[in-house]
C-alpha atoms as a PDB file:
ATOM      1  CA  UNK A   1      46.214  11.878 -54.540  1.00  0.00           C
ATOM      2  CA  UNK A   2      48.942  14.499 -54.132  1.00  0.00           C
ATOM      3  CA  UNK A   3      49.206  18.091 -55.285  1.00  0.00           C
ATOM      4  CA  UNK A   4      52.226  20.398 -55.039  1.00  0.00           C
ATOM      5  CA  UNK A   5      51.972  24.179 -54.683  1.00  0.00           C
ATOM      6  CA  UNK A   6      55.192  25.961 -55.636  1.00  0.00           C
ATOM      7  CA  UNK A   7      56.477  28.756 -53.375  1.00  0.00           C
ATOM      8  CA  UNK A   8      59.581  29.650 -55.392  1.00  0.00           C
ATOM      9  CA  UNK A   9      58.129  33.051 -56.416  1.00  0.00           C
ATOM     10  CA  UNK A  10      57.728  34.083 -52.760  1.00  0.00           C
ATOM     11  CA  UNK A  11      60.384  35.578 -50.506  1.00  0.00           C
ATOM     12  CA  UNK A  12      61.382  33.917 -47.233  1.00  0.00           C
ATOM     13  CA  UNK A  13      59.504  36.645 -45.340  1.00  0.00           C
ATOM     14  CA  UNK A  14      56.342  36.061 -47.391  1.00  0.00           C
ATOM     15  CA  UNK A  15      56.478  32.318 -46.758  1.00  0.00           C
ATOM     16  CA  UNK A  16      56.945  32.942 -43.021  1.00  0.00           C
ATOM     17  CA  UNK A  17      53.929  35.260 -42.957  1.00  0.00           C
ATOM     18  CA  UNK A  18      51.905  32.623 -44.755  1.00  0.00           C
ATOM     19  CA  UNK A  19      52.766  29.626 -42.558  1.00  0.00           C
ATOM     20  CA  UNK A  20      52.557  31.700 -39.348  1.00  0.00           C
ATOM     21  CA  UNK A  21      54.522  31.694 -36.112  1.00  0.00           C
ATOM     22  CA  UNK A  22      55.588  28.097 -35.317  1.00  0.00           C
ATOM     23  CA  UNK A  23      53.558  26.942 -38.374  1.00  0.00           C
ATOM     24  CA  UNK A  24      50.298  27.866 -36.600  1.00  0.00           C
ATOM     25  CA  UNK A  25      48.531  28.786 -39.865  1.00  0.00           C
ATOM     26  CA  UNK A  26      49.453  25.446 -41.435  1.00  0.00           C
ATOM     27  CA  UNK A  27      48.207  23.633 -38.342  1.00  0.00           C
ATOM     28  CA  UNK A  28      44.900  25.513 -38.507  1.00  0.00           C
ATOM     29  CA  UNK A  29      44.478  24.590 -42.181  1.00  0.00           C
ATOM     30  CA  UNK A  30      45.327  20.948 -41.414  1.00  0.00           C
ATOM     31  CA  UNK A  31      42.599  20.896 -38.757  1.00  0.00           C
ATOM     32  CA  UNK A  32      40.110  22.502 -41.137  1.00  0.00           C
ATOM     33  CA  UNK A  33      40.748  20.014 -43.952  1.00  0.00           C
ATOM     34  CA  UNK A  34      41.511  16.999 -41.711  1.00  0.00           C
ATOM     35  CA  UNK A  35      44.686  16.255 -43.580  1.00  0.00           C
ATOM     36  CA  UNK A  36      48.464  16.697 -43.407  1.00  0.00           C
ATOM     37  CA  UNK A  37      50.188  19.600 -45.161  1.00  0.00           C
ATOM     38  CA  UNK A  38      53.932  19.254 -45.691  1.00  0.00           C
ATOM     39  CA  UNK A  39      56.122  22.352 -46.106  1.00  0.00           C
ATOM     40  CA  UNK A  40      59.207  21.144 -47.964  1.00  0.00           C
ATOM     41  CA  UNK A  41      61.700  23.756 -49.156  1.00  0.00           C
ATOM     42  CA  UNK A  42      59.841  25.947 -51.643  1.00  0.00           C
ATOM     43  CA  UNK A  43      56.886  23.575 -51.935  1.00  0.00           C
ATOM     44  CA  UNK A  44      53.618  22.800 -50.169  1.00  0.00           C
ATOM     45  CA  UNK A  45      52.675  19.148 -50.547  1.00  0.00           C
ATOM     46  CA  UNK A  46      48.975  18.339 -50.169  1.00  0.00           C
ATOM     47  CA  UNK A  47      47.606  14.803 -49.985  1.00  0.00           C
ATOM     48  CA  UNK A  48      43.850  14.126 -50.130  1.00  0.00           C
ATOM     49  CA  UNK A  49      40.894  13.410 -52.423  1.00  0.00           C
ATOM     50  CA  UNK A  50      40.700  15.429 -55.645  1.00  0.00           C
ATOM     51  CA  UNK A  51      37.650  17.493 -54.626  1.00  0.00           C
ATOM     52  CA  UNK A  52      39.228  18.465 -51.307  1.00  0.00           C
ATOM     53  CA  UNK A  53      42.547  19.230 -52.998  1.00  0.00           C
ATOM     54  CA  UNK A  54      40.856  21.646 -55.405  1.00  0.00           C
ATOM     55  CA  UNK A  55      39.252  23.513 -52.488  1.00  0.00           C
ATOM     56  CA  UNK A  56      42.544  23.532 -50.555  1.00  0.00           C
ATOM     57  CA  UNK A  57      44.421  24.885 -53.561  1.00  0.00           C
ATOM     58  CA  UNK A  58      41.834  27.684 -53.974  1.00  0.00           C
ATOM     59  CA  UNK A  59      42.170  28.646 -50.283  1.00  0.00           C
ATOM     60  CA  UNK A  60      45.977  28.520 -50.362  1.00  0.00           C
ATOM     61  CA  UNK A  61      46.146  30.568 -53.572  1.00  0.00           C
ATOM     62  CA  UNK A  62      43.873  33.211 -52.049  1.00  0.00           C
ATOM     63  CA  UNK A  63      45.929  33.440 -48.849  1.00  0.00           C
ATOM     64  CA  UNK A  64      49.212  33.564 -50.756  1.00  0.00           C
ATOM     65  CA  UNK A  65      47.845  36.415 -52.879  1.00  0.00           C
ATOM     66  CA  UNK A  66      47.165  38.375 -49.671  1.00  0.00           C
ATOM     67  CA  UNK A  67      50.734  37.678 -48.518  1.00  0.00           C
ATOM     68  CA  UNK A  68      52.012  39.094 -51.815  1.00  0.00           C
ATOM     69  CA  UNK A  69      50.052  42.275 -51.065  1.00  0.00           C
ATOM     70  CA  UNK A  70      52.035  42.662 -47.830  1.00  0.00           C
ATOM     71  CA  UNK A  71      49.477  41.236 -45.410  1.00  0.00           C
ATOM     72  CA  UNK A  72      50.371  39.105 -42.415  1.00  0.00           C
ATOM     73  CA  UNK A  73      47.891  36.248 -42.323  1.00  0.00           C
ATOM     74  CA  UNK A  74      45.975  35.936 -39.055  1.00  0.00           C
ATOM     75  CA  UNK A  75      43.801  33.156 -37.671  1.00  0.00           C
ATOM     76  CA  UNK A  76      40.739  35.287 -38.423  1.00  0.00           C
ATOM     77  CA  UNK A  77      41.822  35.690 -42.067  1.00  0.00           C
ATOM     78  CA  UNK A  78      42.096  31.928 -42.436  1.00  0.00           C
ATOM     79  CA  UNK A  79      38.753  31.213 -40.779  1.00  0.00           C
ATOM     80  CA  UNK A  80      36.946  33.736 -42.959  1.00  0.00           C
ATOM     81  CA  UNK A  81      38.675  32.525 -46.129  1.00  0.00           C
ATOM     82  CA  UNK A  82      37.527  28.982 -45.302  1.00  0.00           C
ATOM     83  CA  UNK A  83      33.963  30.252 -44.802  1.00  0.00           C
ATOM     84  CA  UNK A  84      34.045  32.028 -48.160  1.00  0.00           C
ATOM     85  CA  UNK A  85      35.384  28.885 -49.821  1.00  0.00           C
ATOM     86  CA  UNK A  86      32.325  26.973 -48.582  1.00  0.00           C
ATOM     87  CA  UNK A  87      30.020  29.485 -50.324  1.00  0.00           C
ATOM     88  CA  UNK A  88      32.182  29.959 -53.456  1.00  0.00           C
ATOM     89  CA  UNK A  89      32.865  33.628 -52.647  1.00  0.00           C
ATOM     90  CA  UNK A  90      36.661  33.533 -52.513  1.00  0.00           C
ATOM     91  CA  UNK A  91      36.997  36.049 -55.349  1.00  0.00           C
ATOM     92  CA  UNK A  92      35.687  38.867 -53.110  1.00  0.00           C
ATOM     93  CA  UNK A  93      38.689  38.649 -50.752  1.00  0.00           C
ATOM     94  CA  UNK A  94      40.789  40.784 -53.079  1.00  0.00           C
ATOM     95  CA  UNK A  95      38.131  43.483 -53.156  1.00  0.00           C
ATOM     96  CA  UNK A  96      37.879  43.607 -49.355  1.00  0.00           C
ATOM     97  CA  UNK A  97      41.575  44.259 -48.871  1.00  0.00           C
ATOM     98  CA  UNK A  98      41.672  46.908 -51.606  1.00  0.00           C
ATOM     99  CA  UNK A  99      39.285  49.146 -49.617  1.00  0.00           C
ATOM    100  CA  UNK A 100      41.323  51.358 -47.302  1.00  0.00           C
ATOM    101  CA  UNK A 101      39.068  53.094 -44.769  1.00  0.00           C
ATOM    102  CA  UNK A 102      41.575  54.748 -42.425  1.00  0.00           C
ATOM    103  CA  UNK A 103      44.638  54.193 -40.268  1.00  0.00           C
ATOM    104  CA  UNK A 104      44.748  53.974 -36.497  1.00  0.00           C
ATOM    105  CA  UNK A 105      47.090  56.054 -34.349  1.00  0.00           C
ATOM    106  CA  UNK A 106      49.592  53.195 -34.485  1.00  0.00           C
ATOM    107  CA  UNK A 107      49.456  53.166 -38.292  1.00  0.00           C
ATOM    108  CA  UNK A 108      47.404  49.979 -38.621  1.00  0.00           C
ATOM    109  CA  UNK A 109      45.280  49.949 -41.767  1.00  0.00           C
ATOM    110  CA  UNK A 110      41.523  49.574 -41.287  1.00  0.00           C
ATOM    111  CA  UNK A 111      39.624  47.820 -44.076  1.00  0.00           C
ATOM    112  CA  UNK A 112      36.377  45.818 -44.330  1.00  0.00           C
ATOM    113  CA  UNK A 113      37.136  42.327 -43.070  1.00  0.00           C
ATOM    114  CA  UNK A 114      33.920  40.634 -44.250  1.00  0.00           C
ATOM    115  CA  UNK A 115      31.255  40.912 -46.948  1.00  0.00           C
ATOM    116  CA  UNK A 116      28.867  42.372 -44.391  1.00  0.00           C
ATOM    117  CA  UNK A 117      31.406  44.999 -43.366  1.00  0.00           C
ATOM    118  CA  UNK A 118      31.936  45.885 -47.031  1.00  0.00           C
ATOM    119  CA  UNK A 119      28.196  46.516 -47.420  1.00  0.00           C
ATOM    120  CA  UNK A 120      28.228  48.535 -44.177  1.00  0.00           C
ATOM    121  CA  UNK A 121      31.197  50.569 -45.464  1.00  0.00           C
ATOM    122  CA  UNK A 122      29.360  51.595 -48.645  1.00  0.00           C
ATOM    123  CA  UNK A 123      26.188  52.319 -46.688  1.00  0.00           C
ATOM    124  CA  UNK A 124      28.081  54.662 -44.324  1.00  0.00           C
ATOM    125  CA  UNK A 125      29.767  56.305 -47.280  1.00  0.00           C
ATOM    126  CA  UNK A 126      26.616  57.083 -49.264  1.00  0.00           C
ATOM    127  CA  UNK A 127      23.747  57.564 -46.772  1.00  0.00           C
ATOM    128  CA  UNK A 128      22.857  60.124 -44.103  1.00  0.00           C
ATOM    129  CA  UNK A 129      21.037  57.660 -41.824  1.00  0.00           C
ATOM    130  CA  UNK A 130      22.372  54.108 -41.480  1.00  0.00           C
ATOM    131  CA  UNK A 131      21.227  51.280 -39.208  1.00  0.00           C
ATOM    132  CA  UNK A 132      23.921  48.663 -38.509  1.00  0.00           C
ATOM    133  CA  UNK A 133      22.205  45.598 -37.067  1.00  0.00           C
ATOM    134  CA  UNK A 134      24.103  42.533 -35.916  1.00  0.00           C
ATOM    135  CA  UNK A 135      25.651  40.548 -33.062  1.00  0.00           C
ATOM    136  CA  UNK A 136      28.615  41.522 -30.925  1.00  0.00           C
ATOM    137  CA  UNK A 137      31.973  41.430 -32.649  1.00  0.00           C
ATOM    138  CA  UNK A 138      30.810  42.386 -36.151  1.00  0.00           C
ATOM    139  CA  UNK A 139      32.530  45.795 -36.004  1.00  0.00           C
ATOM    140  CA  UNK A 140      29.358  47.851 -36.368  1.00  0.00           C
ATOM    141  CA  UNK A 141      30.196  50.333 -33.587  1.00  0.00           C
ATOM    142  CA  UNK A 142      33.919  50.458 -34.312  1.00  0.00           C
ATOM    143  CA  UNK A 143      33.477  51.239 -38.017  1.00  0.00           C
ATOM    144  CA  UNK A 144      30.868  53.892 -37.217  1.00  0.00           C
ATOM    145  CA  UNK A 145      33.370  55.668 -34.928  1.00  0.00           C
ATOM    146  CA  UNK A 146      36.108  55.330 -37.567  1.00  0.00           C
ATOM    147  CA  UNK A 147      33.883  57.061 -40.126  1.00  0.00           C
ATOM    148  CA  UNK A 148      32.973  59.773 -37.616  1.00  0.00           C
ATOM    149  CA  UNK A 149      36.638  60.503 -36.839  1.00  0.00           C
ATOM    150  CA  UNK A 150      37.510  60.609 -40.547  1.00  0.00           C
ATOM    151  CA  UNK A 151      34.658  63.049 -41.213  1.00  0.00           C
ATOM    152  CA  UNK A 152      35.916  65.273 -38.374  1.00  0.00           C
ATOM    153  CA  UNK A 153      39.509  65.160 -39.623  1.00  0.00           C
ATOM    154  CA  UNK A 154      38.361  66.058 -43.148  1.00  0.00           C
ATOM    155  CA  UNK A 155      36.324  69.018 -41.810  1.00  0.00           C
ATOM    156  CA  UNK A 156      33.117  67.468 -43.143  1.00  0.00           C
ATOM    157  CA  UNK A 157      31.489  67.926 -39.726  1.00  0.00           C
ATOM    158  CA  UNK A 158      32.228  70.158 -36.749  1.00  0.00           C
ATOM    159  CA  UNK A 159      31.622  67.643 -33.995  1.00  0.00           C
ATOM    160  CA  UNK A 160      31.037  64.006 -33.101  1.00  0.00           C
ATOM    161  CA  UNK A 161      28.188  63.037 -30.788  1.00  0.00           C
ATOM    162  CA  UNK A 162      28.189  59.555 -29.268  1.00  0.00           C
ATOM    163  CA  UNK A 163      25.296  58.276 -27.199  1.00  0.00           C
ATOM    164  CA  UNK A 164      23.822  55.123 -25.679  1.00  0.00           C
ATOM    165  CA  UNK A 165      20.665  54.450 -23.664  1.00  0.00           C
ATOM    166  CA  UNK A 166      21.831  53.843 -20.088  1.00  0.00           C
ATOM    167  CA  UNK A 167      19.152  51.217 -19.659  1.00  0.00           C
ATOM    168  CA  UNK A 168      20.915  49.429 -16.797  1.00  0.00           C
ATOM    169  CA  UNK A 169      20.533  52.574 -14.702  1.00  0.00           C
ATOM    170  CA  UNK A 170      16.974  53.221 -15.838  1.00  0.00           C
ATOM    171  CA  UNK A 171      18.084  56.367 -17.730  1.00  0.00           C
ATOM    172  CA  UNK A 172      18.062  58.190 -14.381  1.00  0.00           C
ATOM    173  CA  UNK A 173      21.729  57.844 -13.354  1.00  0.00           C
ATOM    174  CA  UNK A 174      21.090  60.013 -10.325  1.00  0.00           C
ATOM    175  CA  UNK A 175      21.894  57.374  -7.747  1.00  0.00           C
ATOM    176  CA  UNK A 176      25.321  56.608  -9.199  1.00  0.00           C
ATOM    177  CA  UNK A 177      28.358  58.235  -7.510  1.00  0.00           C
ATOM    178  CA  UNK A 178      30.433  60.977  -9.174  1.00  0.00           C
ATOM    179  CA  UNK A 179      29.778  63.713 -11.733  1.00  0.00           C
ATOM    180  CA  UNK A 180      27.973  63.152 -15.041  1.00  0.00           C
ATOM    181  CA  UNK A 181      31.095  61.927 -16.849  1.00  0.00           C
ATOM    182  CA  UNK A 182      31.844  59.396 -14.113  1.00  0.00           C
ATOM    183  CA  UNK A 183      28.218  58.213 -14.123  1.00  0.00           C
ATOM    184  CA  UNK A 184      28.047  57.758 -17.884  1.00  0.00           C
ATOM    185  CA  UNK A 185      31.538  56.446 -18.731  1.00  0.00           C
ATOM    186  CA  UNK A 186      30.945  52.770 -17.832  1.00  0.00           C
ATOM    187  CA  UNK A 187      28.108  52.596 -20.370  1.00  0.00           C
ATOM    188  CA  UNK A 188      30.170  54.216 -23.122  1.00  0.00           C
ATOM    189  CA  UNK A 189      33.424  52.310 -22.756  1.00  0.00           C
ATOM    190  CA  UNK A 190      33.306  50.674 -26.227  1.00  0.00           C
ATOM    191  CA  UNK A 191      32.967  54.111 -27.823  1.00  0.00           C
ATOM    192  CA  UNK A 192      35.965  55.424 -25.869  1.00  0.00           C
ATOM    193  CA  UNK A 193      38.025  52.403 -26.916  1.00  0.00           C
ATOM    194  CA  UNK A 194      37.356  53.084 -30.604  1.00  0.00           C
ATOM    195  CA  UNK A 195      38.195  56.792 -30.186  1.00  0.00           C
ATOM    196  CA  UNK A 196      41.456  56.004 -28.388  1.00  0.00           C
ATOM    197  CA  UNK A 197      42.362  53.634 -31.213  1.00  0.00           C
ATOM    198  CA  UNK A 198      41.831  56.360 -33.820  1.00  0.00           C
ATOM    199  CA  UNK A 199      42.969  59.495 -31.996  1.00  0.00           C
ATOM    200  CA  UNK A 200      44.895  58.381 -28.947  1.00  0.00           C
ATOM    201  CA  UNK A 201      43.741  58.997 -25.381  1.00  0.00           C
ATOM    202  CA  UNK A 202      45.300  62.453 -25.025  1.00  0.00           C
ATOM    203  CA  UNK A 203      43.771  63.934 -28.179  1.00  0.00           C
ATOM    204  CA  UNK A 204      40.413  62.283 -27.494  1.00  0.00           C
ATOM    205  CA  UNK A 205      40.220  63.812 -24.018  1.00  0.00           C
ATOM    206  CA  UNK A 206      41.293  67.196 -25.390  1.00  0.00           C
ATOM    207  CA  UNK A 207      38.526  67.123 -28.012  1.00  0.00           C
ATOM    208  CA  UNK A 208      35.999  66.083 -25.356  1.00  0.00           C
ATOM    209  CA  UNK A 209      37.049  69.039 -23.171  1.00  0.00           C
ATOM    210  CA  UNK A 210      36.592  71.403 -26.133  1.00  0.00           C
ATOM    211  CA  UNK A 211      33.161  69.933 -26.870  1.00  0.00           C
ATOM    212  CA  UNK A 212      34.230  68.751 -30.329  1.00  0.00           C
ATOM    213  CA  UNK A 213      33.473  65.211 -29.205  1.00  0.00           C
ATOM    214  CA  UNK A 214      30.401  64.879 -27.023  1.00  0.00           C
ATOM    215  CA  UNK A 215      29.634  61.660 -25.176  1.00  0.00           C
ATOM    216  CA  UNK A 216      26.334  61.616 -23.331  1.00  0.00           C
ATOM    217  CA  UNK A 217      23.381  59.403 -22.396  1.00  0.00           C
ATOM    218  CA  UNK A 218      20.488  59.369 -24.853  1.00  0.00           C
ATOM    219  CA  UNK A 219      18.228  61.358 -22.532  1.00  0.00           C
ATOM    220  CA  UNK A 220      20.495  64.416 -23.081  1.00  0.00           C
ATOM    221  CA  UNK A 221      19.610  64.532 -26.811  1.00  0.00           C
ATOM    222  CA  UNK A 222      16.039  65.653 -26.136  1.00  0.00           C
ATOM    223  CA  UNK A 223      15.057  69.097 -27.464  1.00  0.00           C
ATOM    224  CA  UNK A 224      18.171  69.551 -29.623  1.00  0.00           C
ATOM    225  CA  UNK A 225      18.773  69.862 -33.364  1.00  0.00           C
ATOM    226  CA  UNK A 226      22.082  68.261 -34.260  1.00  0.00           C
ATOM    227  CA  UNK A 227      23.670  70.056 -37.216  1.00  0.00           C
ATOM    228  CA  UNK A 228      27.157  69.709 -38.754  1.00  0.00           C
ATOM    229  CA  UNK A 229      27.623  66.581 -36.674  1.00  0.00           C
ATOM    230  CA  UNK A 230      28.311  62.879 -36.952  1.00  0.00           C
ATOM    231  CA  UNK A 231      25.908  61.281 -34.478  1.00  0.00           C
ATOM    232  CA  UNK A 232      26.156  57.654 -33.339  1.00  0.00           C
ATOM    233  CA  UNK A 233      23.542  55.861 -31.249  1.00  0.00           C
ATOM    234  CA  UNK A 234      25.007  52.625 -29.886  1.00  0.00           C
ATOM    235  CA  UNK A 235      23.116  49.742 -28.211  1.00  0.00           C
ATOM    236  CA  UNK A 236      19.948  51.035 -29.902  1.00  0.00           C
ATOM    237  CA  UNK A 237      18.028  47.833 -29.137  1.00  0.00           C
ATOM    238  CA  UNK A 238      17.614  49.210 -25.617  1.00  0.00           C
ATOM    239  CA  UNK A 239      15.743  52.334 -26.695  1.00  0.00           C
ATOM    240  CA  UNK A 240      11.986  52.613 -26.309  1.00  0.00           C
ATOM    241  CA  UNK A 241       9.754  53.710 -29.191  1.00  0.00           C
ATOM    242  CA  UNK A 242       9.663  57.267 -27.846  1.00  0.00           C
ATOM    243  CA  UNK A 243      13.439  57.448 -27.410  1.00  0.00           C
ATOM    244  CA  UNK A 244      14.139  56.184 -30.933  1.00  0.00           C
ATOM    245  CA  UNK A 245      11.707  58.656 -32.496  1.00  0.00           C
ATOM    246  CA  UNK A 246      13.183  61.458 -30.368  1.00  0.00           C
ATOM    247  CA  UNK A 247      16.710  60.582 -31.458  1.00  0.00           C
ATOM    248  CA  UNK A 248      16.023  60.241 -35.190  1.00  0.00           C
ATOM    249  CA  UNK A 249      14.141  63.533 -35.318  1.00  0.00           C
ATOM    250  CA  UNK A 250      17.199  65.390 -33.936  1.00  0.00           C
ATOM    251  CA  UNK A 251      18.866  65.102 -37.391  1.00  0.00           C
ATOM    252  CA  UNK A 252      19.897  68.515 -38.697  1.00  0.00           C
ATOM    253  CA  UNK A 253      21.481  69.773 -41.896  1.00  0.00           C
ATOM    254  CA  UNK A 254      24.931  68.460 -42.875  1.00  0.00           C
ATOM    255  CA  UNK A 255      24.698  65.689 -40.308  1.00  0.00           C
ATOM    256  CA  UNK A 256      24.876  61.915 -40.401  1.00  0.00           C
ATOM    257  CA  UNK A 257      23.277  59.456 -38.008  1.00  0.00           C
ATOM    258  CA  UNK A 258      24.456  55.914 -37.410  1.00  0.00           C
ATOM    259  CA  UNK A 259      22.293  53.611 -35.295  1.00  0.00           C
ATOM    260  CA  UNK A 260      23.869  50.351 -34.146  1.00  0.00           C
ATOM    261  CA  UNK A 261      22.317  47.527 -32.207  1.00  0.00           C
ATOM    262  CA  UNK A 262      21.688  43.816 -31.732  1.00  0.00           C
ATOM    263  CA  UNK A 263      18.019  42.821 -31.628  1.00  0.00           C
ATOM    264  CA  UNK A 264      18.919  39.556 -29.867  1.00  0.00           C
ATOM    265  CA  UNK A 265      20.366  41.404 -26.848  1.00  0.00           C
ATOM    266  CA  UNK A 266      17.452  43.528 -25.638  1.00  0.00           C
ATOM    267  CA  UNK A 267      17.675  44.474 -21.957  1.00  0.00           C
ATOM    268  CA  UNK A 268      14.383  46.367 -21.691  1.00  0.00           C
ATOM    269  CA  UNK A 269      11.781  45.184 -19.176  1.00  0.00           C
ATOM    270  CA  UNK A 270       9.569  42.413 -20.569  1.00  0.00           C
ATOM    271  CA  UNK A 271       6.589  43.776 -22.469  1.00  0.00           C
ATOM    272  CA  UNK A 272       8.297  46.989 -23.645  1.00  0.00           C
ATOM    273  CA  UNK A 273       8.832  47.095 -27.401  1.00  0.00           C
ATOM    274  CA  UNK A 274      12.366  47.881 -28.544  1.00  0.00           C
ATOM    275  CA  UNK A 275      12.564  51.172 -30.418  1.00  0.00           C
ATOM    276  CA  UNK A 276      15.091  49.596 -32.761  1.00  0.00           C
ATOM    277  CA  UNK A 277      12.803  46.705 -33.699  1.00  0.00           C
ATOM    278  CA  UNK A 278       9.943  49.139 -34.343  1.00  0.00           C
ATOM    279  CA  UNK A 279      12.165  51.400 -36.471  1.00  0.00           C
ATOM    280  CA  UNK A 280      13.266  48.441 -38.596  1.00  0.00           C
ATOM    281  CA  UNK A 281       9.604  47.810 -39.404  1.00  0.00           C
ATOM    282  CA  UNK A 282       8.369  51.400 -39.834  1.00  0.00           C
ATOM    283  CA  UNK A 283      11.317  52.911 -41.729  1.00  0.00           C
ATOM    284  CA  UNK A 284      12.364  50.038 -44.008  1.00  0.00           C
ATOM    285  CA  UNK A 285      11.223  51.769 -47.239  1.00  0.00           C
ATOM    286  CA  UNK A 286      12.185  55.358 -46.403  1.00  0.00           C
ATOM    287  CA  UNK A 287      14.507  56.909 -49.001  1.00  0.00           C
ATOM    288  CA  UNK A 288      17.814  58.080 -47.513  1.00  0.00           C
ATOM    289  CA  UNK A 289      17.774  55.480 -44.735  1.00  0.00           C
ATOM    290  CA  UNK A 290      19.815  52.318 -45.188  1.00  0.00           C
ATOM    291  CA  UNK A 291      19.644  49.129 -43.137  1.00  0.00           C
ATOM    292  CA  UNK A 292      22.646  46.782 -43.047  1.00  0.00           C
ATOM    293  CA  UNK A 293      22.262  43.377 -41.412  1.00  0.00           C
ATOM    294  CA  UNK A 294      25.456  41.741 -40.150  1.00  0.00           C
ATOM    295  CA  UNK A 295      25.548  38.108 -39.069  1.00  0.00           C
ATOM    296  CA  UNK A 296      27.727  35.532 -37.332  1.00  0.00           C
ATOM    297  CA  UNK A 297      29.685  35.320 -40.613  1.00  0.00           C
ATOM    298  CA  UNK A 298      30.838  38.914 -39.983  1.00  0.00           C
ATOM    299  CA  UNK A 299      32.172  38.344 -36.460  1.00  0.00           C
ATOM    300  CA  UNK A 300      35.792  39.468 -36.322  1.00  0.00           C
ATOM    301  CA  UNK A 301      36.577  38.309 -32.797  1.00  0.00           C
ATOM    302  CA  UNK A 302      37.853  34.893 -31.699  1.00  0.00           C
ATOM    303  CA  UNK A 303      36.497  32.114 -33.998  1.00  0.00           C
ATOM    304  CA  UNK A 304      34.703  30.548 -31.023  1.00  0.00           C
ATOM    305  CA  UNK A 305      32.556  33.715 -30.710  1.00  0.00           C
ATOM    306  CA  UNK A 306      31.115  33.039 -34.161  1.00  0.00           C
ATOM    307  CA  UNK A 307      30.209  29.478 -33.134  1.00  0.00           C
ATOM    308  CA  UNK A 308      28.577  30.736 -29.906  1.00  0.00           C
ATOM    309  CA  UNK A 309      26.427  33.222 -31.847  1.00  0.00           C
ATOM    310  CA  UNK A 310      25.398  30.590 -34.412  1.00  0.00           C
ATOM    311  CA  UNK A 311      24.318  28.169 -31.659  1.00  0.00           C
ATOM    312  CA  UNK A 312      22.228  30.819 -29.878  1.00  0.00           C
ATOM    313  CA  UNK A 313      20.633  31.951 -33.154  1.00  0.00           C
ATOM    314  CA  UNK A 314      19.623  28.369 -33.986  1.00  0.00           C
ATOM    315  CA  UNK A 315      18.230  27.550 -30.528  1.00  0.00           C
ATOM    316  CA  UNK A 316      14.420  27.886 -30.559  1.00  0.00           C
ATOM    317  CA  UNK A 317      14.005  28.119 -26.768  1.00  0.00           C
ATOM    318  CA  UNK A 318      16.518  30.990 -26.635  1.00  0.00           C
ATOM    319  CA  UNK A 319      14.755  32.835 -29.455  1.00  0.00           C
ATOM    320  CA  UNK A 320      11.413  32.460 -27.698  1.00  0.00           C
ATOM    321  CA  UNK A 321      12.857  33.842 -24.449  1.00  0.00           C
ATOM    322  CA  UNK A 322      14.059  36.996 -26.287  1.00  0.00           C
ATOM    323  CA  UNK A 323      10.678  37.822 -27.858  1.00  0.00           C
ATOM    324  CA  UNK A 324       9.148  41.114 -26.668  1.00  0.00           C
END
């Protein structure tokens, strides 16, 4: 059975953005549906069973609508659209791309790319303490830094504080060469990358010198009250109970705290309970604290990363080896 999708209402540029460089988007869709897609003039010719054709038409219509909105379709967009089609959630795509969070230094628009990121976005917007839990590549740390930078730019806070437990160095750091910044930097690289994306390297380093942005190991938070600040604790799965309690009780007036982590990637010595896992249990019903759980569906890296995460999550022997 054949079905024809007309492209006569689209410009040449829009059609090019839809089919991709060297027809790579069409090839990806052909692989996904195990069929041939013919681009002929201002038509797309589909040939398959009726049920598959209906799903293909829904996916194509959704992607073409994004093209009309000025978006260049990427491989990630296609993979996520296909995932949403499987769960009959295609209608939410429009909503995702309507949410404009911020722009990077290069002018690139940042928006929620998945349903999980949309939930995380609203949680960050409306709560003072947010836990973003999920695997690598779900954007939990990046979006937290984006919100922090926006709050600083809008004069909602006076400073940004970024911290991680330096668990690989036993929180001591003393034996590492160099000054404090040189000791700590390797553990905080992902936070720097997000800041450079939003502010540029020069402005980021200037704000760090002024103390407007503070990047420090978790141990340096002890004994402080953090007011008028946007505070982010990254890699929180590697905190102990005492460290997590210490961090959360630093919250001062007019401040926000974002805690990000992946409970499947705990690097603490065996037998030591993760402070993040304990917090998820103890604080789950506390008003003003919001927990957002991201999954492999929310991974915005290479499509293979999503498959890797899904395989590890489904492997019983791996799950048993990560129990603490």
